[in-house]
Amino acid sequence: MNDIIRLRRSVRKFTPEKIDQPTLDLLLEAAMSAPSAGNQQPWQFMVITNRQTIESLSHTGPNSKPALGAPVLIVVLADTSRERYKDYWPIDCSAATENLLLEATRLGLGSVWLGVHPVDDRKAYITNLFALPPHIIPFSIVCVGYPEGAPLLERPSRFDASRVHYNKW
């Protein structure tokens, strides 16, 4: 079995093959299994399959073009009404986004994390596009689909001992 962490890549080109609902449910369940501060789980998710909406989201920022080729976008949102530990929601939503990426890899899907937070104009664009209430903050967009081209292979280790410090700097 491949090591999912080392197999994961940012995939930006996808086949047009659709992703079925049971697979989407596995992706979302993995995202919702992420750790969160005090178990506050401050996330909401929007699953986007509508081509017109995908086109609109591809204009979120300068690096959002991979959205155009993805059959599914998952917008990760912070629900600050669930926040019990102030300002931990970006950490919690990062963990949920990473879990989603890893589950996509496990399922043989490709994915890429498109950053939204903390860039104000990107957050405003998505907020306006979906008329989000003030307590919902766009965090990231995850493009998901079957990768176009060669299968993903494990990459060499990125371990760098010079970046590890034991008991002192």
N, C-alpha and C. Protein backbone atom coordinates (compact mmCIF):
# COMPACT_ATOMS: atom_id res chain seq x y z
N MET A 1 0.85 -1.19 0.00
CA MET A 1 0.00 0.00 0.00
C MET A 1 0.89 1.25 0.00
N ASN A 2 0.53 2.19 -0.83
CA ASN A 2 1.31 3.43 -0.90
C ASN A 2 1.08 4.28 0.33
N ASP A 3 2.07 5.04 0.68
CA ASP A 3 1.95 6.00 1.77
C ASP A 3 1.21 7.22 1.24
N ILE A 4 0.00 7.43 1.71
CA ILE A 4 -0.88 8.48 1.18
C ILE A 4 -0.25 9.86 1.32
N ILE A 5 0.42 10.12 2.42
CA ILE A 5 1.02 11.45 2.61
C ILE A 5 2.07 11.72 1.54
N ARG A 6 2.90 10.74 1.24
CA ARG A 6 3.96 10.94 0.25
C ARG A 6 3.47 10.81 -1.19
N LEU A 7 2.29 10.25 -1.37
CA LEU A 7 1.71 10.10 -2.70
C LEU A 7 0.93 11.35 -3.12
N ARG A 8 0.41 12.10 -2.13
CA ARG A 8 -0.41 13.27 -2.43
C ARG A 8 0.36 14.32 -3.23
N ARG A 9 -0.30 14.85 -4.22
CA ARG A 9 0.26 15.91 -5.07
C ARG A 9 -0.82 16.95 -5.31
N SER A 10 -0.41 18.13 -5.71
CA SER A 10 -1.35 19.13 -6.19
C SER A 10 -1.61 18.84 -7.67
N VAL A 11 -2.80 18.34 -7.96
CA VAL A 11 -3.19 17.98 -9.31
C VAL A 11 -4.02 19.12 -9.87
N ARG A 12 -3.64 19.60 -11.04
CA ARG A 12 -4.31 20.75 -11.64
C ARG A 12 -5.01 20.43 -12.96
N LYS A 13 -4.90 19.18 -13.42
CA LYS A 13 -5.55 18.77 -14.66
C LYS A 13 -6.33 17.49 -14.38
N PHE A 14 -7.59 17.51 -14.80
CA PHE A 14 -8.50 16.42 -14.47
C PHE A 14 -9.20 15.90 -15.72
N THR A 15 -9.63 14.64 -15.65
CA THR A 15 -10.49 14.10 -16.70
C THR A 15 -11.90 14.63 -16.44
N PRO A 16 -12.79 14.55 -17.40
CA PRO A 16 -14.16 15.03 -17.18
C PRO A 16 -15.04 14.04 -16.39
N GLU A 17 -14.48 12.88 -16.02
CA GLU A 17 -15.27 11.87 -15.31
C GLU A 17 -15.89 12.44 -14.03
N LYS A 18 -17.16 12.15 -13.84
CA LYS A 18 -17.88 12.64 -12.66
C LYS A 18 -17.50 11.83 -11.43
N ILE A 19 -17.70 12.43 -10.28
CA ILE A 19 -17.47 11.77 -9.00
C ILE A 19 -18.83 11.44 -8.39
N ASP A 20 -19.03 10.17 -8.03
CA ASP A 20 -20.35 9.77 -7.52
C ASP A 20 -20.56 10.25 -6.08
N GLN A 21 -21.82 10.22 -5.65
CA GLN A 21 -22.19 10.72 -4.33
C GLN A 21 -21.53 9.95 -3.19
N PRO A 22 -21.45 8.61 -3.24
CA PRO A 22 -20.76 7.92 -2.14
C PRO A 22 -19.30 8.37 -1.98
N THR A 23 -18.64 8.65 -3.10
CA THR A 23 -17.25 9.12 -3.03
C THR A 23 -17.19 10.52 -2.44
N LEU A 24 -18.10 11.38 -2.87
CA LEU A 24 -18.16 12.74 -2.28
C LEU A 24 -18.40 12.65 -0.78
N ASP A 25 -19.28 11.74 -0.36
CA ASP A 25 -19.55 11.58 1.07
C ASP A 25 -18.30 11.15 1.84
N LEU A 26 -17.49 10.26 1.24
CA LEU A 26 -16.25 9.85 1.89
C LEU A 26 -15.28 11.03 2.04
N LEU A 27 -15.20 11.87 1.01
CA LEU A 27 -14.34 13.05 1.08
C LEU A 27 -14.78 13.98 2.21
N LEU A 28 -16.07 14.22 2.28
CA LEU A 28 -16.60 15.15 3.29
C LEU A 28 -16.50 14.56 4.69
N GLU A 29 -16.72 13.26 4.81
CA GLU A 29 -16.59 12.61 6.11
C GLU A 29 -15.15 12.71 6.60
N ALA A 30 -14.20 12.54 5.69
CA ALA A 30 -12.79 12.67 6.07
C ALA A 30 -12.48 14.10 6.52
N ALA A 31 -12.99 15.07 5.80
CA ALA A 31 -12.77 16.48 6.17
C ALA A 31 -13.33 16.75 7.56
N MET A 32 -14.52 16.21 7.82
CA MET A 32 -15.18 16.46 9.10
C MET A 32 -14.58 15.65 10.25
N SER A 33 -13.66 14.75 9.92
CA SER A 33 -12.97 13.96 10.95
C SER A 33 -11.70 14.66 11.44
N ALA A 34 -11.43 15.84 10.93
CA ALA A 34 -10.22 16.58 11.31
C ALA A 34 -10.28 17.00 12.77
N PRO A 35 -9.12 17.14 13.39
CA PRO A 35 -9.11 17.68 14.75
C PRO A 35 -9.49 19.16 14.72
N SER A 36 -10.04 19.63 15.82
CA SER A 36 -10.36 21.06 15.93
C SER A 36 -10.25 21.48 17.39
N ALA A 37 -9.99 22.75 17.59
CA ALA A 37 -9.81 23.28 18.95
C ALA A 37 -11.07 23.04 19.77
N GLY A 38 -10.93 22.32 20.86
CA GLY A 38 -12.07 22.05 21.72
C GLY A 38 -13.20 21.33 21.01
N ASN A 39 -12.89 20.64 19.93
CA ASN A 39 -13.88 19.93 19.12
C ASN A 39 -14.99 20.86 18.62
N GLN A 40 -14.64 22.12 18.34
CA GLN A 40 -15.66 23.09 17.90
C GLN A 40 -16.14 22.84 16.47
N GLN A 41 -15.35 22.15 15.66
CA GLN A 41 -15.73 21.81 14.29
C GLN A 41 -16.38 23.00 13.57
N PRO A 42 -15.62 24.08 13.34
CA PRO A 42 -16.21 25.31 12.82
C PRO A 42 -16.33 25.34 11.30
N TRP A 43 -16.59 24.22 10.69
CA TRP A 43 -16.59 24.17 9.23
C TRP A 43 -17.97 23.93 8.66
N GLN A 44 -18.11 24.40 7.44
CA GLN A 44 -19.24 24.11 6.56
C GLN A 44 -18.60 23.84 5.20
N PHE A 45 -19.29 23.14 4.33
CA PHE A 45 -18.75 22.79 3.01
C PHE A 45 -19.80 23.03 1.94
N MET A 46 -19.40 23.60 0.84
CA MET A 46 -20.27 23.73 -0.33
C MET A 46 -19.66 22.88 -1.43
N VAL A 47 -20.43 21.93 -1.95
CA VAL A 47 -19.98 21.07 -3.04
C VAL A 47 -20.54 21.68 -4.33
N ILE A 48 -19.64 22.01 -5.24
CA ILE A 48 -20.02 22.70 -6.47
C ILE A 48 -19.76 21.77 -7.66
N THR A 49 -20.82 21.48 -8.41
CA THR A 49 -20.71 20.68 -9.64
C THR A 49 -21.27 21.44 -10.84
N ASN A 50 -21.95 22.52 -10.59
CA ASN A 50 -22.53 23.33 -11.66
C ASN A 50 -21.42 24.04 -12.44
N ARG A 51 -21.37 23.81 -13.76
CA ARG A 51 -20.28 24.35 -14.57
C ARG A 51 -20.21 25.88 -14.52
N GLN A 52 -21.34 26.54 -14.52
CA GLN A 52 -21.34 28.01 -14.48
C GLN A 52 -20.74 28.51 -13.16
N THR A 53 -21.08 27.86 -12.07
CA THR A 53 -20.54 28.25 -10.77
C THR A 53 -19.05 27.93 -10.68
N ILE A 54 -18.65 26.80 -11.24
CA ILE A 54 -17.22 26.46 -11.29
C ILE A 54 -16.47 27.54 -12.07
N GLU A 55 -17.03 27.96 -13.20
CA GLU A 55 -16.42 29.03 -14.01
C GLU A 55 -16.27 30.30 -13.16
N SER A 56 -17.31 30.65 -12.42
CA SER A 56 -17.25 31.84 -11.56
C SER A 56 -16.16 31.71 -10.51
N LEU A 57 -16.06 30.54 -9.89
CA LEU A 57 -15.05 30.34 -8.85
C LEU A 57 -13.63 30.31 -9.41
N SER A 58 -13.49 30.03 -10.69
CA SER A 58 -12.15 30.05 -11.30
C SER A 58 -11.58 31.47 -11.37
N HIS A 59 -12.42 32.46 -11.07
CA HIS A 59 -11.99 33.87 -11.06
C HIS A 59 -11.73 34.39 -9.65
N THR A 60 -11.70 33.50 -8.67
CA THR A 60 -11.50 33.92 -7.28
C THR A 60 -10.17 34.61 -7.06
N GLY A 61 -9.14 34.10 -7.69
CA GLY A 61 -7.80 34.67 -7.53
C GLY A 61 -6.92 34.28 -8.69
N PRO A 62 -5.69 34.79 -8.71
CA PRO A 62 -4.80 34.56 -9.85
C PRO A 62 -4.39 33.09 -10.03
N ASN A 63 -4.50 32.28 -8.99
CA ASN A 63 -4.11 30.88 -9.09
C ASN A 63 -5.30 29.93 -9.06
N SER A 64 -6.48 30.44 -9.40
CA SER A 64 -7.71 29.65 -9.32
C SER A 64 -8.10 28.98 -10.63
N LYS A 65 -7.28 29.09 -11.65
CA LYS A 65 -7.62 28.52 -12.97
C LYS A 65 -7.81 27.01 -12.97
N PRO A 66 -7.11 26.23 -12.12
CA PRO A 66 -7.36 24.78 -12.14
C PRO A 66 -8.81 24.41 -11.86
N ALA A 67 -9.56 25.32 -11.26
CA ALA A 67 -10.97 25.06 -11.00
C ALA A 67 -11.74 24.75 -12.29
N LEU A 68 -11.34 25.39 -13.37
CA LEU A 68 -12.06 25.23 -14.64
C LEU A 68 -12.14 23.77 -15.09
N GLY A 69 -11.10 23.00 -14.87
CA GLY A 69 -11.07 21.63 -15.37
C GLY A 69 -11.57 20.59 -14.39
N ALA A 70 -11.88 21.00 -13.17
CA ALA A 70 -12.30 20.04 -12.15
C ALA A 70 -13.80 19.77 -12.25
N PRO A 71 -14.20 18.50 -12.11
CA PRO A 71 -15.63 18.21 -12.11
C PRO A 71 -16.33 18.62 -10.82
N VAL A 72 -15.54 18.75 -9.73
CA VAL A 72 -16.11 19.11 -8.43
C VAL A 72 -15.18 20.10 -7.73
N LEU A 73 -15.79 21.11 -7.14
CA LEU A 73 -15.08 22.01 -6.23
C LEU A 73 -15.74 21.87 -4.87
N ILE A 74 -14.92 21.84 -3.84
CA ILE A 74 -15.46 21.85 -2.48
C ILE A 74 -14.93 23.12 -1.83
N VAL A 75 -15.85 24.00 -1.48
CA VAL A 75 -15.49 25.25 -0.83
C VAL A 75 -15.57 25.00 0.68
N VAL A 76 -14.44 25.19 1.35
CA VAL A 76 -14.38 25.03 2.79
C VAL A 76 -14.64 26.39 3.41
N LEU A 77 -15.61 26.42 4.31
CA LEU A 77 -16.06 27.66 4.93
C LEU A 77 -15.94 27.56 6.44
N ALA A 78 -15.59 28.66 7.07
CA ALA A 78 -15.57 28.71 8.53
C ALA A 78 -16.91 29.25 9.01
N ASP A 79 -17.49 28.58 9.97
CA ASP A 79 -18.74 29.01 10.58
C ASP A 79 -18.39 29.56 11.96
N THR A 80 -18.21 30.89 12.04
CA THR A 80 -17.75 31.49 13.29
C THR A 80 -18.81 31.43 14.39
N SER A 81 -20.04 31.09 14.06
CA SER A 81 -21.06 30.92 15.10
C SER A 81 -20.76 29.68 15.95
N ARG A 82 -19.94 28.79 15.45
CA ARG A 82 -19.55 27.58 16.19
C ARG A 82 -18.26 27.80 16.99
N GLU A 83 -17.68 28.97 16.86
CA GLU A 83 -16.38 29.25 17.45
C GLU A 83 -16.49 29.42 18.96
N ARG A 84 -15.81 28.54 19.68
CA ARG A 84 -15.70 28.65 21.15
C ARG A 84 -14.30 29.09 21.53
N TYR A 85 -13.34 28.87 20.65
CA TYR A 85 -11.96 29.24 20.88
C TYR A 85 -11.56 30.22 19.79
N LYS A 86 -11.63 31.49 20.13
CA LYS A 86 -11.47 32.57 19.16
C LYS A 86 -10.20 32.43 18.33
N ASP A 87 -10.39 32.63 17.04
CA ASP A 87 -9.30 32.68 16.05
C ASP A 87 -8.59 31.35 15.81
N TYR A 88 -9.17 30.24 16.26
CA TYR A 88 -8.61 28.93 15.93
C TYR A 88 -9.22 28.35 14.66
N TRP A 89 -10.27 28.98 14.13
CA TRP A 89 -10.93 28.40 12.96
C TRP A 89 -10.01 28.23 11.75
N PRO A 90 -9.02 29.12 11.49
CA PRO A 90 -8.15 28.84 10.33
C PRO A 90 -7.33 27.56 10.50
N ILE A 91 -6.92 27.26 11.73
CA ILE A 91 -6.18 26.03 11.98
C ILE A 91 -7.10 24.84 11.76
N ASP A 92 -8.30 24.93 12.31
CA ASP A 92 -9.27 23.85 12.18
C ASP A 92 -9.64 23.60 10.72
N CYS A 93 -9.87 24.67 9.97
CA CYS A 93 -10.24 24.52 8.55
C CYS A 93 -9.06 24.05 7.72
N SER A 94 -7.84 24.37 8.14
CA SER A 94 -6.65 23.83 7.47
C SER A 94 -6.59 22.32 7.65
N ALA A 95 -6.85 21.85 8.85
CA ALA A 95 -6.83 20.41 9.12
C ALA A 95 -7.92 19.71 8.30
N ALA A 96 -9.10 20.30 8.22
CA ALA A 96 -10.19 19.71 7.42
C ALA A 96 -9.82 19.67 5.94
N THR A 97 -9.19 20.74 5.45
CA THR A 97 -8.77 20.79 4.05
C THR A 97 -7.73 19.71 3.77
N GLU A 98 -6.75 19.57 4.64
CA GLU A 98 -5.71 18.55 4.45
C GLU A 98 -6.31 17.15 4.49
N ASN A 99 -7.23 16.89 5.41
CA ASN A 99 -7.88 15.58 5.45
C ASN A 99 -8.60 15.29 4.13
N LEU A 100 -9.25 16.30 3.59
CA LEU A 100 -9.95 16.15 2.32
C LEU A 100 -8.96 15.78 1.21
N LEU A 101 -7.82 16.47 1.16
CA LEU A 101 -6.80 16.19 0.15
C LEU A 101 -6.26 14.76 0.28
N LEU A 102 -6.00 14.34 1.51
CA LEU A 102 -5.46 13.00 1.73
C LEU A 102 -6.48 11.92 1.37
N GLU A 103 -7.73 12.14 1.69
CA GLU A 103 -8.77 11.16 1.34
C GLU A 103 -8.94 11.09 -0.17
N ALA A 104 -8.84 12.23 -0.85
CA ALA A 104 -8.92 12.22 -2.31
C ALA A 104 -7.81 11.33 -2.87
N THR A 105 -6.60 11.46 -2.35
CA THR A 105 -5.49 10.64 -2.81
C THR A 105 -5.76 9.16 -2.54
N ARG A 106 -6.24 8.85 -1.35
CA ARG A 106 -6.55 7.46 -0.99
C ARG A 106 -7.55 6.85 -1.96
N LEU A 107 -8.50 7.67 -2.43
CA LEU A 107 -9.55 7.19 -3.32
C LEU A 107 -9.15 7.20 -4.79
N GLY A 108 -7.89 7.56 -5.07
CA GLY A 108 -7.42 7.59 -6.46
C GLY A 108 -7.81 8.85 -7.21
N LEU A 109 -8.19 9.86 -6.48
CA LEU A 109 -8.55 11.15 -7.07
C LEU A 109 -7.37 12.11 -6.99
N GLY A 110 -7.40 13.12 -7.82
CA GLY A 110 -6.45 14.21 -7.73
C GLY A 110 -7.14 15.39 -7.08
N SER A 111 -6.34 16.26 -6.48
CA SER A 111 -6.91 17.44 -5.84
C SER A 111 -5.86 18.54 -5.75
N VAL A 112 -6.34 19.75 -5.57
CA VAL A 112 -5.44 20.88 -5.32
C VAL A 112 -6.16 21.86 -4.40
N TRP A 113 -5.42 22.41 -3.46
CA TRP A 113 -5.91 23.39 -2.49
C TRP A 113 -5.70 24.77 -3.09
N LEU A 114 -6.77 25.50 -3.30
CA LEU A 114 -6.70 26.89 -3.74
C LEU A 114 -6.92 27.78 -2.54
N GLY A 115 -5.95 28.61 -2.23
CA GLY A 115 -6.04 29.47 -1.06
C GLY A 115 -7.04 30.60 -1.23
N VAL A 116 -7.82 30.84 -0.23
CA VAL A 116 -8.77 31.96 -0.18
C VAL A 116 -8.42 32.84 1.02
N HIS A 117 -8.55 32.30 2.24
CA HIS A 117 -8.17 33.02 3.45
C HIS A 117 -6.65 33.06 3.52
N PRO A 118 -6.04 34.15 3.86
CA PRO A 118 -6.53 35.38 4.47
C PRO A 118 -6.72 36.55 3.49
N VAL A 119 -6.80 36.28 2.21
CA VAL A 119 -6.85 37.36 1.22
C VAL A 119 -8.27 37.95 1.16
N ASP A 120 -8.40 39.20 1.58
CA ASP A 120 -9.72 39.82 1.72
C ASP A 120 -10.52 39.87 0.42
N ASP A 121 -9.88 40.19 -0.71
CA ASP A 121 -10.67 40.30 -1.95
C ASP A 121 -11.18 38.93 -2.40
N ARG A 122 -10.44 37.86 -2.13
CA ARG A 122 -10.91 36.50 -2.46
C ARG A 122 -12.08 36.12 -1.58
N LYS A 123 -11.97 36.42 -0.29
CA LYS A 123 -13.07 36.11 0.63
C LYS A 123 -14.31 36.90 0.24
N ALA A 124 -14.13 38.17 -0.11
CA ALA A 124 -15.27 39.01 -0.50
C ALA A 124 -15.92 38.50 -1.78
N TYR A 125 -15.10 38.06 -2.73
CA TYR A 125 -15.62 37.55 -3.99
C TYR A 125 -16.56 36.36 -3.75
N ILE A 126 -16.11 35.40 -2.95
CA ILE A 126 -16.93 34.21 -2.67
C ILE A 126 -18.14 34.58 -1.82
N THR A 127 -17.94 35.44 -0.85
CA THR A 127 -19.06 35.89 -0.01
C THR A 127 -20.15 36.52 -0.87
N ASN A 128 -19.76 37.37 -1.80
CA ASN A 128 -20.74 38.01 -2.69
C ASN A 128 -21.36 37.03 -3.66
N LEU A 129 -20.57 36.12 -4.21
CA LEU A 129 -21.07 35.14 -5.18
C LEU A 129 -22.19 34.30 -4.59
N PHE A 130 -22.06 33.91 -3.34
CA PHE A 130 -23.04 33.03 -2.71
C PHE A 130 -23.93 33.75 -1.69
N ALA A 131 -23.77 35.05 -1.56
CA ALA A 131 -24.54 35.83 -0.57
C ALA A 131 -24.45 35.17 0.81
N LEU A 132 -23.21 34.93 1.24
CA LEU A 132 -22.98 34.27 2.52
C LEU A 132 -23.31 35.20 3.68
N PRO A 133 -23.84 34.65 4.75
CA PRO A 133 -24.09 35.47 5.94
C PRO A 133 -22.77 35.87 6.59
N PRO A 134 -22.77 36.91 7.42
CA PRO A 134 -21.52 37.44 8.00
C PRO A 134 -20.73 36.44 8.84
N HIS A 135 -21.38 35.44 9.42
CA HIS A 135 -20.66 34.48 10.28
C HIS A 135 -20.02 33.34 9.48
N ILE A 136 -20.18 33.34 8.17
CA ILE A 136 -19.57 32.31 7.31
C ILE A 136 -18.42 32.96 6.53
N ILE A 137 -17.21 32.43 6.71
CA ILE A 137 -16.01 33.00 6.09
C ILE A 137 -15.39 31.98 5.14
N PRO A 138 -15.24 32.34 3.86
CA PRO A 138 -14.58 31.43 2.92
C PRO A 138 -13.13 31.19 3.33
N PHE A 139 -12.73 29.92 3.33
CA PHE A 139 -11.38 29.56 3.74
C PHE A 139 -10.55 29.03 2.57
N SER A 140 -11.06 28.05 1.85
CA SER A 140 -10.31 27.45 0.75
C SER A 140 -11.27 26.86 -0.28
N ILE A 141 -10.71 26.58 -1.45
CA ILE A 141 -11.42 25.83 -2.47
C ILE A 141 -10.56 24.61 -2.77
N VAL A 142 -11.17 23.44 -2.78
CA VAL A 142 -10.45 22.23 -3.15
C VAL A 142 -11.04 21.72 -4.46
N CYS A 143 -10.20 21.66 -5.49
CA CYS A 143 -10.58 21.10 -6.78
C CYS A 143 -10.36 19.59 -6.69
N VAL A 144 -11.35 18.82 -7.12
CA VAL A 144 -11.26 17.37 -7.03
C VAL A 144 -11.70 16.74 -8.34
N GLY A 145 -10.98 15.71 -8.76
CA GLY A 145 -11.36 14.95 -9.94
C GLY A 145 -10.38 13.83 -10.17
N TYR A 146 -10.63 13.07 -11.22
CA TYR A 146 -9.69 12.02 -11.60
C TYR A 146 -8.54 12.67 -12.33
N PRO A 147 -7.30 12.40 -11.90
CA PRO A 147 -6.15 13.08 -12.51
C PRO A 147 -5.96 12.68 -13.97
N GLU A 148 -5.63 13.68 -14.76
CA GLU A 148 -5.31 13.45 -16.16
C GLU A 148 -3.84 13.05 -16.25
N GLY A 149 -3.54 12.04 -17.05
CA GLY A 149 -2.14 11.66 -17.25
C GLY A 149 -1.72 10.48 -16.41
N ALA A 150 -0.42 10.40 -16.18
CA ALA A 150 0.19 9.26 -15.49
C ALA A 150 -0.28 9.18 -14.04
N PRO A 151 -0.33 7.95 -13.50
CA PRO A 151 -0.71 7.80 -12.09
C PRO A 151 0.33 8.47 -11.18
N LEU A 152 -0.13 8.84 -10.01
CA LEU A 152 0.77 9.48 -9.04
C LEU A 152 1.71 8.44 -8.45
N LEU A 153 2.95 8.83 -8.30
CA LEU A 153 3.96 7.96 -7.71
C LEU A 153 4.52 8.64 -6.46
N GLU A 154 4.97 7.80 -5.51
CA GLU A 154 5.57 8.38 -4.30
C GLU A 154 6.76 9.24 -4.68
N ARG A 155 6.86 10.38 -4.04
CA ARG A 155 8.00 11.27 -4.30
C ARG A 155 9.10 10.99 -3.28
N PRO A 156 10.30 11.43 -3.57
CA PRO A 156 11.39 11.26 -2.59
C PRO A 156 11.05 12.03 -1.31
N SER A 157 11.62 11.60 -0.23
CA SER A 157 11.40 12.23 1.07
C SER A 157 11.81 13.71 1.02
N ARG A 158 11.06 14.52 1.70
CA ARG A 158 11.41 15.94 1.86
C ARG A 158 12.03 16.21 3.23
N PHE A 159 12.31 15.15 3.96
CA PHE A 159 12.88 15.30 5.29
C PHE A 159 14.21 16.06 5.20
N ASP A 160 14.35 17.07 6.04
CA ASP A 160 15.56 17.88 6.09
C ASP A 160 15.97 18.02 7.55
N ALA A 161 16.95 17.24 7.97
CA ALA A 161 17.39 17.22 9.36
C ALA A 161 17.85 18.59 9.86
N SER A 162 18.30 19.47 8.96
CA SER A 162 18.77 20.79 9.37
C SER A 162 17.62 21.68 9.86
N ARG A 163 16.37 21.25 9.64
CA ARG A 163 15.22 22.03 10.10
C ARG A 163 14.63 21.51 11.40
N VAL A 164 15.31 20.55 12.00
CA VAL A 164 14.82 19.95 13.23
C VAL A 164 15.74 20.35 14.37
N HIS A 165 15.15 20.81 15.48
CA HIS A 165 15.91 21.27 16.64
C HIS A 165 15.40 20.52 17.86
N TYR A 166 16.30 19.93 18.60
CA TYR A 166 15.94 19.17 19.78
C TYR A 166 16.33 19.94 21.05
N ASN A 167 15.35 20.28 21.83
CA ASN A 167 15.50 20.87 23.15
C ASN A 167 16.14 22.27 23.18
N LYS A 168 16.61 22.78 22.07
CA LYS A 168 17.16 24.13 22.00
C LYS A 168 17.26 24.54 20.54
N TRP A 169 17.42 25.81 20.26
CA TRP A 169 17.55 26.29 18.89
C TRP A 169 18.91 26.02 18.42
